[in-house]
Protein backbone atom coordinates (compact mmCIF):
# COMPACT_ATOMS: atom_id res chain seq x y z
CA MET A 1 -1.18 23.87 15.62
CA ARG A 2 -3.22 24.79 12.86
CA VAL A 3 -3.64 22.60 10.11
CA ASP A 4 -3.41 24.66 7.86
CA LYS A 5 -0.07 25.78 9.21
CA PHE A 6 1.31 22.58 9.21
CA LEU A 7 0.47 21.86 5.52
CA LYS A 8 2.57 24.99 5.22
CA ASN A 9 5.64 24.73 7.32
CA ALA A 10 6.18 21.02 5.90
CA ARG A 11 6.00 22.21 2.22
CA LEU A 12 3.12 19.99 1.52
CA ILE A 13 1.20 23.06 0.34
CA LYS A 14 2.61 26.16 -1.09
CA ARG A 15 0.92 28.85 0.65
CA ARG A 16 -1.16 28.80 4.09
CA THR A 17 -4.49 30.53 2.27
CA VAL A 18 -4.18 27.49 -0.13
CA GLY A 19 -4.23 25.27 2.61
CA LYS A 20 -7.37 27.26 4.32
CA ALA A 21 -9.04 27.02 0.68
CA ALA A 22 -8.13 23.18 0.74
CA CYS A 23 -9.53 22.65 4.09
CA ASP A 24 -12.67 24.87 3.32
CA GLY A 25 -13.23 22.60 0.23
CA GLY A 26 -13.54 19.64 2.38
CA ARG A 27 -9.93 18.08 0.66
CA ILE A 28 -8.12 17.64 4.18
CA MET A 29 -9.13 14.93 6.63
CA ILE A 30 -7.67 14.47 10.02
CA ASN A 31 -8.24 10.90 11.28
CA GLY A 32 -11.02 10.36 8.92
CA LYS A 33 -12.79 13.63 9.90
CA GLU A 34 -13.27 16.70 7.56
CA ALA A 35 -10.84 19.13 8.94
CA LYS A 36 -11.42 22.95 9.17
CA PRO A 37 -8.20 25.42 8.72
CA GLY A 38 -8.07 25.76 12.58
CA SER A 39 -8.21 22.06 13.46
CA ARG A 40 -5.25 21.28 15.85
CA LEU A 41 -3.17 18.71 15.18
CA LYS A 42 -1.12 16.59 17.26
CA VAL A 43 1.84 14.12 16.92
CA GLY A 44 0.45 10.58 15.25
CA ASP A 45 -2.68 12.38 13.50
CA ILE A 46 -2.92 10.82 10.00
CA LEU A 47 -3.84 13.49 7.57
CA THR A 48 -5.51 12.60 3.99
CA ILE A 49 -4.63 15.30 1.15
CA ALA A 50 -7.25 14.95 -1.95
CA TYR A 51 -5.22 16.23 -5.06
CA GLY A 52 -7.52 16.33 -8.02
CA ASP A 53 -7.81 12.56 -9.04
CA GLY A 54 -5.18 11.22 -6.22
CA GLU A 55 -4.74 11.60 -2.57
CA GLN A 56 -1.89 11.60 -0.12
CA LYS A 57 -1.56 9.98 3.58
CA ILE A 58 0.79 11.11 6.03
CA GLU A 59 1.42 10.69 9.60
CA VAL A 60 2.43 13.54 11.44
CA LEU A 61 5.86 13.06 13.24
CA GLU A 62 6.47 16.61 14.45
CA LEU A 63 5.13 20.03 14.84
CA LEU A 64 7.56 22.65 14.57
CA GLU A 65 6.60 26.49 14.31
CA HIS A 66 9.57 27.23 11.74
CA ALA A 67 10.89 24.55 9.65
CA PRO A 68 13.98 25.07 7.37
CA LYS A 69 13.79 23.48 3.83
CA ASP A 70 15.50 20.44 4.97
CA LYS A 71 13.72 19.95 8.37
CA ALA A 72 10.34 20.28 6.66
CA THR A 73 10.13 16.54 5.39
CA GLU A 74 11.05 15.35 8.73
CA MET A 75 7.91 16.62 10.01
CA TYR A 76 5.80 13.91 8.39
CA ARG A 77 5.99 10.31 7.27
CA GLU A 78 4.09 9.11 3.96
CA LEU A 79 1.65 6.27 4.15
């Protein structure tokens, strides 16, 4: 699954275009490497998302094409 789509489906970022902009701006890392919007994620990958003055690290647990609100938080685990 594309990283920008995962961020939207997991409700970590509100819109896919915002996820794309975050990737283009170098604020998303996959396993320590800078991510492009089309970078492929797999279960077990570690995402680092830089927000303003902080960052969030998560582990990908599940890749769902369509995730209802209650399932979105089951797609990842915060580290």
